[in-house]
PDB file of N, CA and C in Angstrom:
ATOM      1  N   MET A   1       0.851  -1.180   0.000  1.00  0.00           N
ATOM      2  CA  MET A   1       0.000   0.000   0.000  1.00  0.00           C
ATOM      3  C   MET A   1       0.887   1.231   0.000  1.00  0.00           C
ATOM      4  N   THR A   2       0.603   2.158  -0.904  1.00  0.00           N
ATOM      5  CA  THR A   2       1.407   3.372  -0.983  1.00  0.00           C
ATOM      6  C   THR A   2       0.793   4.448  -0.115  1.00  0.00           C
ATOM      7  N   HIS A   3       1.630   5.295   0.376  1.00  0.00           N
ATOM      8  CA  HIS A   3       1.161   6.400   1.206  1.00  0.00           C
ATOM      9  C   HIS A   3       1.110   7.659   0.359  1.00  0.00           C
ATOM     10  N   LEU A   4      -0.082   8.232   0.208  1.00  0.00           N
ATOM     11  CA  LEU A   4      -0.251   9.445  -0.568  1.00  0.00           C
ATOM     12  C   LEU A   4      -0.298  10.641   0.371  1.00  0.00           C
ATOM     13  N   PRO A   5       0.265  11.752  -0.047  1.00  0.00           N
ATOM     14  CA  PRO A   5       0.160  12.940   0.787  1.00  0.00           C
ATOM     15  C   PRO A   5      -1.294  13.378   0.923  1.00  0.00           C
ATOM     16  N   SER A   6      -1.603  14.041   2.004  1.00  0.00           N
ATOM     17  CA  SER A   6      -2.991  14.450   2.243  1.00  0.00           C
ATOM     18  C   SER A   6      -3.474  15.449   1.201  1.00  0.00           C
ATOM     19  N   THR A   7      -2.560  16.226   0.584  1.00  0.00           N
ATOM     20  CA  THR A   7      -2.990  17.172  -0.443  1.00  0.00           C
ATOM     21  C   THR A   7      -3.480  16.449  -1.688  1.00  0.00           C
ATOM     22  N   THR A   8      -2.944  15.282  -1.987  1.00  0.00           N
ATOM     23  CA  THR A   8      -3.409  14.515  -3.140  1.00  0.00           C
ATOM     24  C   THR A   8      -4.843  14.063  -2.917  1.00  0.00           C
ATOM     25  N   LEU A   9      -5.144  13.623  -1.734  1.00  0.00           N
ATOM     26  CA  LEU A   9      -6.500  13.184  -1.427  1.00  0.00           C
ATOM     27  C   LEU A   9      -7.471  14.356  -1.359  1.00  0.00           C
ATOM     28  N   LEU A  10      -6.980  15.512  -0.986  1.00  0.00           N
ATOM     29  CA  LEU A  10      -7.828  16.687  -0.879  1.00  0.00           C
ATOM     30  C   LEU A  10      -8.341  17.128  -2.247  1.00  0.00           C
ATOM     31  N   PHE A  11      -7.524  16.989  -3.283  1.00  0.00           N
ATOM     32  CA  PHE A  11      -7.899  17.467  -4.602  1.00  0.00           C
ATOM     33  C   PHE A  11      -8.327  16.351  -5.544  1.00  0.00           C
ATOM     34  N   ALA A  12      -8.771  15.227  -5.013  1.00  0.00           N
ATOM     35  CA  ALA A  12      -9.223  14.118  -5.848  1.00  0.00           C
ATOM     36  C   ALA A  12     -10.547  14.493  -6.517  1.00  0.00           C
ATOM     37  N   MET A  13     -10.810  13.904  -7.673  1.00  0.00           N
ATOM     38  CA  MET A  13     -12.050  14.177  -8.389  1.00  0.00           C
ATOM     39  C   MET A  13     -13.232  13.562  -7.645  1.00  0.00           C
ATOM     40  N   PRO A  14     -14.354  14.307  -7.603  1.00  0.00           N
ATOM     41  CA  PRO A  14     -15.533  13.768  -6.915  1.00  0.00           C
ATOM     42  C   PRO A  14     -16.128  12.580  -7.661  1.00  0.00           C
ATOM     43  N   GLY A  15     -16.745  11.678  -6.907  1.00  0.00           N
ATOM     44  CA  GLY A  15     -17.386  10.506  -7.477  1.00  0.00           C
ATOM     45  C   GLY A  15     -18.819  10.810  -7.882  1.00  0.00           C
ATOM     46  N   GLY A  16     -19.584   9.770  -8.186  1.00  0.00           N
ATOM     47  CA  GLY A  16     -20.956   9.935  -8.663  1.00  0.00           C
ATOM     48  C   GLY A  16     -21.879  10.605  -7.672  1.00  0.00           C
ATOM     49  N   SER A  17     -21.841  10.166  -6.417  1.00  0.00           N
ATOM     50  CA  SER A  17     -22.755  10.755  -5.428  1.00  0.00           C
ATOM     51  C   SER A  17     -22.385  12.207  -5.124  1.00  0.00           C
ATOM     52  N   GLU A  18     -21.092  12.541  -5.186  1.00  0.00           N
ATOM     53  CA  GLU A  18     -20.692  13.929  -4.953  1.00  0.00           C
ATOM     54  C   GLU A  18     -21.177  14.839  -6.071  1.00  0.00           C
ATOM     55  N   TRP A  19     -21.137  14.338  -7.340  1.00  0.00           N
ATOM     56  CA  TRP A  19     -21.631  15.146  -8.445  1.00  0.00           C
ATOM     57  C   TRP A  19     -23.127  15.404  -8.308  1.00  0.00           C
ATOM     58  N   ILE A  20     -23.872  14.403  -7.870  1.00  0.00           N
ATOM     59  CA  ILE A  20     -25.319  14.585  -7.670  1.00  0.00           C
ATOM     60  C   ILE A  20     -25.570  15.638  -6.603  1.00  0.00           C
ATOM     61  N   LEU A  21     -24.827  15.587  -5.523  1.00  0.00           N
ATOM     62  CA  LEU A  21     -24.960  16.579  -4.460  1.00  0.00           C
ATOM     63  C   LEU A  21     -24.611  17.975  -4.967  1.00  0.00           C
ATOM     64  N   ILE A  22     -23.565  18.098  -5.765  1.00  0.00           N
ATOM     65  CA  ILE A  22     -23.174  19.400  -6.318  1.00  0.00           C
ATOM     66  C   ILE A  22     -24.267  19.948  -7.225  1.00  0.00           C
ATOM     67  N   VAL A  23     -24.848  19.101  -8.071  1.00  0.00           N
ATOM     68  CA  VAL A  23     -25.914  19.541  -8.970  1.00  0.00           C
ATOM     69  C   VAL A  23     -27.135  19.997  -8.175  1.00  0.00           C
ATOM     70  N   LEU A  24     -27.486  19.271  -7.124  1.00  0.00           N
ATOM     71  CA  LEU A  24     -28.631  19.673  -6.296  1.00  0.00           C
ATOM     72  C   LEU A  24     -28.383  21.005  -5.611  1.00  0.00           C
ATOM     73  N   ILE A  25     -27.189  21.227  -5.121  1.00  0.00           N
ATOM     74  CA  ILE A  25     -26.870  22.501  -4.462  1.00  0.00           C
ATOM     75  C   ILE A  25     -26.942  23.644  -5.468  1.00  0.00           C
ATOM     76  N   VAL A  26     -26.426  23.429  -6.692  1.00  0.00           N
ATOM     77  CA  VAL A  26     -26.494  24.466  -7.725  1.00  0.00           C
ATOM     78  C   VAL A  26     -27.949  24.763  -8.074  1.00  0.00           C
ATOM     79  N   LEU A  27     -28.783  23.731  -8.181  1.00  0.00           N
ATOM     80  CA  LEU A  27     -30.208  23.941  -8.465  1.00  0.00           C
ATOM     81  C   LEU A  27     -30.879  24.755  -7.365  1.00  0.00           C
ATOM     82  N   LEU A  28     -30.542  24.455  -6.118  1.00  0.00           N
ATOM     83  CA  LEU A  28     -31.134  25.199  -5.011  1.00  0.00           C
ATOM     84  C   LEU A  28     -30.655  26.650  -4.976  1.00  0.00           C
ATOM     85  N   MET A  29     -29.382  26.860  -5.288  1.00  0.00           N
ATOM     86  CA  MET A  29     -28.836  28.220  -5.210  1.00  0.00           C
ATOM     87  C   MET A  29     -29.323  29.106  -6.341  1.00  0.00           C
ATOM     88  N   PHE A  30     -29.343  28.596  -7.567  1.00  0.00           N
ATOM     89  CA  PHE A  30     -29.637  29.441  -8.718  1.00  0.00           C
ATOM     90  C   PHE A  30     -31.045  29.267  -9.256  1.00  0.00           C
ATOM     91  N   GLY A  31     -31.683  28.185  -8.990  1.00  0.00           N
ATOM     92  CA  GLY A  31     -33.021  27.950  -9.523  1.00  0.00           C
ATOM     93  C   GLY A  31     -32.947  27.481 -10.967  1.00  0.00           C
ATOM     94  N   GLY A  32     -34.026  26.909 -11.437  1.00  0.00           N
ATOM     95  CA  GLY A  32     -34.066  26.342 -12.780  1.00  0.00           C
ATOM     96  C   GLY A  32     -33.993  27.369 -13.894  1.00  0.00           C
ATOM     97  N   LYS A  33     -34.445  28.604 -13.641  1.00  0.00           N
ATOM     98  CA  LYS A  33     -34.484  29.611 -14.702  1.00  0.00           C
ATOM     99  C   LYS A  33     -33.133  30.262 -14.942  1.00  0.00           C
ATOM    100  N   LYS A  34     -32.294  30.337 -13.933  1.00  0.00           N
ATOM    101  CA  LYS A  34     -31.007  31.016 -14.094  1.00  0.00           C
ATOM    102  C   LYS A  34     -29.884  30.081 -14.541  1.00  0.00           C
ATOM    103  N   ILE A  35     -30.092  28.795 -14.466  1.00  0.00           N
ATOM    104  CA  ILE A  35     -29.037  27.845 -14.826  1.00  0.00           C
ATOM    105  C   ILE A  35     -28.650  27.939 -16.308  1.00  0.00           C
ATOM    106  N   PRO A  36     -29.602  28.059 -17.267  1.00  0.00           N
ATOM    107  CA  PRO A  36     -29.168  28.220 -18.669  1.00  0.00           C
ATOM    108  C   PRO A  36     -28.303  29.462 -18.883  1.00  0.00           C
ATOM    109  N   ASP A  37     -28.648  30.573 -18.212  1.00  0.00           N
ATOM    110  CA  ASP A  37     -27.826  31.780 -18.320  1.00  0.00           C
ATOM    111  C   ASP A  37     -26.440  31.547 -17.720  1.00  0.00           C
ATOM    112  N   LEU A  38     -26.398  30.837 -16.615  1.00  0.00           N
ATOM    113  CA  LEU A  38     -25.121  30.528 -15.972  1.00  0.00           C
ATOM    114  C   LEU A  38     -24.258  29.665 -16.887  1.00  0.00           C
ATOM    115  N   MET A  39     -24.852  28.643 -17.480  1.00  0.00           N
ATOM    116  CA  MET A  39     -24.106  27.758 -18.371  1.00  0.00           C
ATOM    117  C   MET A  39     -23.661  28.497 -19.637  1.00  0.00           C
ATOM    118  N   ARG A  40     -24.509  29.390 -20.137  1.00  0.00           N
ATOM    119  CA  ARG A  40     -24.150  30.180 -21.315  1.00  0.00           C
ATOM    120  C   ARG A  40     -22.942  31.067 -21.006  1.00  0.00           C
ATOM    121  N   GLY A  41     -22.937  31.670 -19.832  1.00  0.00           N
ATOM    122  CA  GLY A  41     -21.802  32.500 -19.425  1.00  0.00           C
ATOM    123  C   GLY A  41     -20.527  31.691 -19.275  1.00  0.00           C
ATOM    124  N   ILE A  42     -20.641  30.499 -18.713  1.00  0.00           N
ATOM    125  CA  ILE A  42     -19.467  29.624 -18.580  1.00  0.00           C
ATOM    126  C   ILE A  42     -18.964  29.223 -19.961  1.00  0.00           C
ATOM    127  N   GLY A  43     -19.881  28.918 -20.879  1.00  0.00           N
ATOM    128  CA  GLY A  43     -19.487  28.548 -22.242  1.00  0.00           C
ATOM    129  C   GLY A  43     -18.769  29.685 -22.955  1.00  0.00           C
ATOM    130  N   LYS A  44     -19.266  30.917 -22.786  1.00  0.00           N
ATOM    131  CA  LYS A  44     -18.603  32.073 -23.402  1.00  0.00           C
ATOM    132  C   LYS A  44     -17.210  32.258 -22.822  1.00  0.00           C
ATOM    133  N   GLY A  45     -17.084  32.081 -21.524  1.00  0.00           N
ATOM    134  CA  GLY A  45     -15.777  32.227 -20.891  1.00  0.00           C
ATOM    135  C   GLY A  45     -14.781  31.199 -21.390  1.00  0.00           C
ATOM    136  N   ILE A  46     -15.228  29.965 -21.529  1.00  0.00           N
ATOM    137  CA  ILE A  46     -14.349  28.904 -22.037  1.00  0.00           C
ATOM    138  C   ILE A  46     -13.968  29.184 -23.485  1.00  0.00           C
ATOM    139  N   ARG A  47     -14.934  29.645 -24.287  1.00  0.00           N
ATOM    140  CA  ARG A  47     -14.660  29.941 -25.695  1.00  0.00           C
ATOM    141  C   ARG A  47     -13.640  31.081 -25.819  1.00  0.00           C
ATOM    142  N   GLU A  48     -13.805  32.146 -25.013  1.00  0.00           N
ATOM    143  CA  GLU A  48     -12.855  33.258 -25.050  1.00  0.00           C
ATOM    144  C   GLU A  48     -11.467  32.807 -24.609  1.00  0.00           C
ATOM    145  N   PHE A  49     -11.403  31.938 -23.613  1.00  0.00           N
ATOM    146  CA  PHE A  49     -10.114  31.431 -23.154  1.00  0.00           C
ATOM    147  C   PHE A  49      -9.414  30.639 -24.252  1.00  0.00           C
ATOM    148  N   LYS A  50     -10.167  29.779 -24.937  1.00  0.00           N
ATOM    149  CA  LYS A  50      -9.579  28.981 -26.019  1.00  0.00           C
ATOM    150  C   LYS A  50      -9.099  29.869 -27.162  1.00  0.00           C
ATOM    151  N   GLU A  51      -9.895  30.900 -27.511  1.00  0.00           N
ATOM    152  CA  GLU A  51      -9.486  31.811 -28.579  1.00  0.00           C
ATOM    153  C   GLU A  51      -8.207  32.551 -28.198  1.00  0.00           C
ATOM    154  N   ALA A  52      -8.115  33.015 -26.959  1.00  0.00           N
ATOM    155  CA  ALA A  52      -6.911  33.710 -26.506  1.00  0.00           C
ATOM    156  C   ALA A  52      -5.710  32.774 -26.510  1.00  0.00           C
ATOM    157  N   LYS A  53      -5.922  31.526 -26.093  1.00  0.00           N
ATOM    158  CA  LYS A  53      -4.838  30.538 -26.084  1.00  0.00           C
ATOM    159  C   LYS A  53      -4.352  30.273 -27.501  1.00  0.00           C
ATOM    160  N   ASP A  54      -5.280  30.120 -28.446  1.00  0.00           N
ATOM    161  CA  ASP A  54      -4.898  29.880 -29.835  1.00  0.00           C
ATOM    162  C   ASP A  54      -4.173  31.084 -30.430  1.00  0.00           C
ATOM    163  N   GLN A  55      -4.619  32.288 -30.075  1.00  0.00           N
ATOM    164  CA  GLN A  55      -3.991  33.501 -30.583  1.00  0.00           C
ATOM    165  C   GLN A  55      -2.555  33.623 -30.070  1.00  0.00           C
ATOM    166  N   VAL A  56      -2.352  33.357 -28.794  1.00  0.00           N
ATOM    167  CA  VAL A  56      -1.005  33.414 -28.230  1.00  0.00           C
ATOM    168  C   VAL A  56      -0.126  32.352 -28.891  1.00  0.00           C
ATOM    169  N   GLY A  57      -0.651  31.168 -29.100  1.00  0.00           N
ATOM    170  CA  GLY A  57       0.111  30.109 -29.754  1.00  0.00           C
ATOM    171  C   GLY A  57       0.505  30.488 -31.171  1.00  0.00           C
ATOM    172  N   SER A  58      -0.418  31.093 -31.919  1.00  0.00           N
ATOM    173  CA  SER A  58      -0.094  31.487 -33.293  1.00  0.00           C
ATOM    174  C   SER A  58       0.920  32.631 -33.310  1.00  0.00           C
ATOM    175  N   GLU A  59       0.846  33.552 -32.343  1.00  0.00           N
ATOM    176  CA  GLU A  59       1.830  34.631 -32.262  1.00  0.00           C
ATOM    177  C   GLU A  59       3.216  34.077 -31.940  1.00  0.00           C
ATOM    178  N   ILE A  60       3.283  33.092 -31.078  1.00  0.00           N
ATOM    179  CA  ILE A  60       4.568  32.484 -30.747  1.00  0.00           C
ATOM    180  C   ILE A  60       5.147  31.771 -31.963  1.00  0.00           C
ATOM    181  N   GLU A  61       4.312  31.027 -32.689  1.00  0.00           N
ATOM    182  CA  GLU A  61       4.788  30.339 -33.887  1.00  0.00           C
ATOM    183  C   GLU A  61       5.252  31.330 -34.947  1.00  0.00           C
ATOM    184  N   ALA A  62       4.514  32.439 -35.117  1.00  0.00           N
ATOM    185  CA  ALA A  62       4.917  33.450 -36.098  1.00  0.00           C
ATOM    186  C   ALA A  62       6.241  34.080 -35.688  1.00  0.00           C
ATOM    187  N   GLY A  63       6.433  34.306 -34.411  1.00  0.00           N
ATOM    188  CA  GLY A  63       7.687  34.879 -33.933  1.00  0.00           C
ATOM    189  C   GLY A  63       8.854  33.935 -34.129  1.00  0.00           C
ATOM    190  N   MET A  64       8.609  32.643 -34.018  1.00  0.00           N
ATOM    191  CA  MET A  64       9.676  31.669 -34.213  1.00  0.00           C
ATOM    192  C   MET A  64      10.066  31.549 -35.687  1.00  0.00           C
ATOM    193  N   GLN A  65       9.131  31.837 -36.589  1.00  0.00           N
ATOM    194  CA  GLN A  65       9.408  31.703 -38.015  1.00  0.00           C
ATOM    195  C   GLN A  65      10.042  32.953 -38.613  1.00  0.00           C
ATOM    196  N   GLU A  66      10.014  34.062 -37.892  1.00  0.00           N
ATOM    197  CA  GLU A  66      10.621  35.296 -38.397  1.00  0.00           C
ATOM    198  C   GLU A  66      12.133  35.153 -38.434  1.00  0.00           C
ATOM    199  N   THR A  67      12.708  35.752 -39.452  1.00  0.00           N
ATOM    200  CA  THR A  67      14.164  35.762 -39.510  1.00  0.00           C
ATOM    201  C   THR A  67      14.659  37.045 -38.857  1.00  0.00           C
ATOM    202  N   PRO A  68      15.703  36.951 -38.072  1.00  0.00           N
ATOM    203  CA  PRO A  68      16.189  38.155 -37.402  1.00  0.00           C
ATOM    204  C   PRO A  68      16.771  39.153 -38.405  1.00  0.00           C
ATOM    205  N   VAL A  69      16.540  40.413 -38.158  1.00  0.00           N
ATOM    206  CA  VAL A  69      17.029  41.477 -39.021  1.00  0.00           C
ATOM    207  C   VAL A  69      18.393  41.906 -38.502  1.00  0.00           C
ATOM    208  N   ARG A  70      19.369  41.909 -39.397  1.00  0.00           N
ATOM    209  CA  ARG A  70      20.713  42.328 -38.996  1.00  0.00           C
ATOM    210  C   ARG A  70      20.860  43.819 -39.264  1.00  0.00           C
ATOM    211  N   LYS A  71      21.330  44.504 -38.267  1.00  0.00           N
ATOM    212  CA  LYS A  71      21.580  45.926 -38.416  1.00  0.00           C
ATOM    213  C   LYS A  71      23.081  46.126 -38.605  1.00  0.00           C
ATOM    214  N   THR A  72      23.402  46.917 -39.574  1.00  0.00           N
ATOM    215  CA  THR A  72      24.810  47.211 -39.790  1.00  0.00           C
ATOM    216  C   THR A  72      25.058  48.665 -39.430  1.00  0.00           C
ATOM    217  N   GLU A  73      26.148  48.892 -38.787  1.00  0.00           N
ATOM    218  CA  GLU A  73      26.504  50.254 -38.422  1.00  0.00           C
ATOM    219  C   GLU A  73      27.629  50.724 -39.311  1.00  0.00           C
ATOM    220  N   ILE A  74      27.516  51.948 -39.750  1.00  0.00           N
ATOM    221  CA  ILE A  74      28.563  52.574 -40.554  1.00  0.00           C
ATOM    222  C   ILE A  74      29.296  53.541 -39.640  1.00  0.00           C
ATOM    223  N   VAL A  75      30.582  53.317 -39.498  1.00  0.00           N
ATOM    224  CA  VAL A  75      31.379  54.177 -38.631  1.00  0.00           C
ATOM    225  C   VAL A  75      32.141  55.153 -39.527  1.00  0.00           C
ATOM    226  N   VAL A  76      31.866  56.415 -39.291  1.00  0.00           N
ATOM    227  CA  VAL A  76      32.537  57.458 -40.076  1.00  0.00           C
ATOM    228  C   VAL A  76      33.572  58.114 -39.162  1.00  0.00           C
ATOM    229  N   PRO A  77      34.848  58.099 -39.564  1.00  0.00           N
ATOM    230  CA  PRO A  77      35.860  58.741 -38.717  1.00  0.00           C
ATOM    231  C   PRO A  77      35.671  60.265 -38.706  1.00  0.00           C
ATOM    232  N   VAL A  78      35.865  60.833 -37.580  1.00  0.00           N
ATOM    233  CA  VAL A  78      35.705  62.285 -37.389  1.00  0.00           C
ATOM    234  C   VAL A  78      37.105  62.887 -37.315  1.00  0.00           C
ATOM    235  N   LYS A  79      37.318  63.974 -38.089  1.00  0.00           N
ATOM    236  CA  LYS A  79      38.611  64.645 -38.047  1.00  0.00           C
ATOM    237  C   LYS A  79      38.664  65.526 -36.819  1.00  0.00           C
ATOM    238  N   ALA A  80      39.723  65.376 -36.080  1.00  0.00           N
ATOM    239  CA  ALA A  80      39.848  66.162 -34.872  1.00  0.00           C
ATOM    240  C   ALA A  80      40.838  67.271 -35.005  1.00  0.00           C
TER     241      ALA A  80
END
C-alpha cells in the first residue's frame, strides 16, 4: 500500500454521489431559470479562453518563423 500525501486526497475528483450533491446545491442556489444563463456565461468564458490561447500560440509560432534582421553600423571617422 502506498502512502499518498494528504494534499493529493484533498484534490481528488468527486465521485458519482458527490456530483449529484453538487448539482442539487447548484439547483437550489440558482433555480431552474437562471441555470441556462449561468451555463451560457461559462461557455462564453471557455470559448474566449480557447481563442486567446490559440492567438497566443499562433503569435509564438509566427515569432519563431521570423528571420532576425541584422543591423549594420557605418562608422565614419571624425577629423579632430
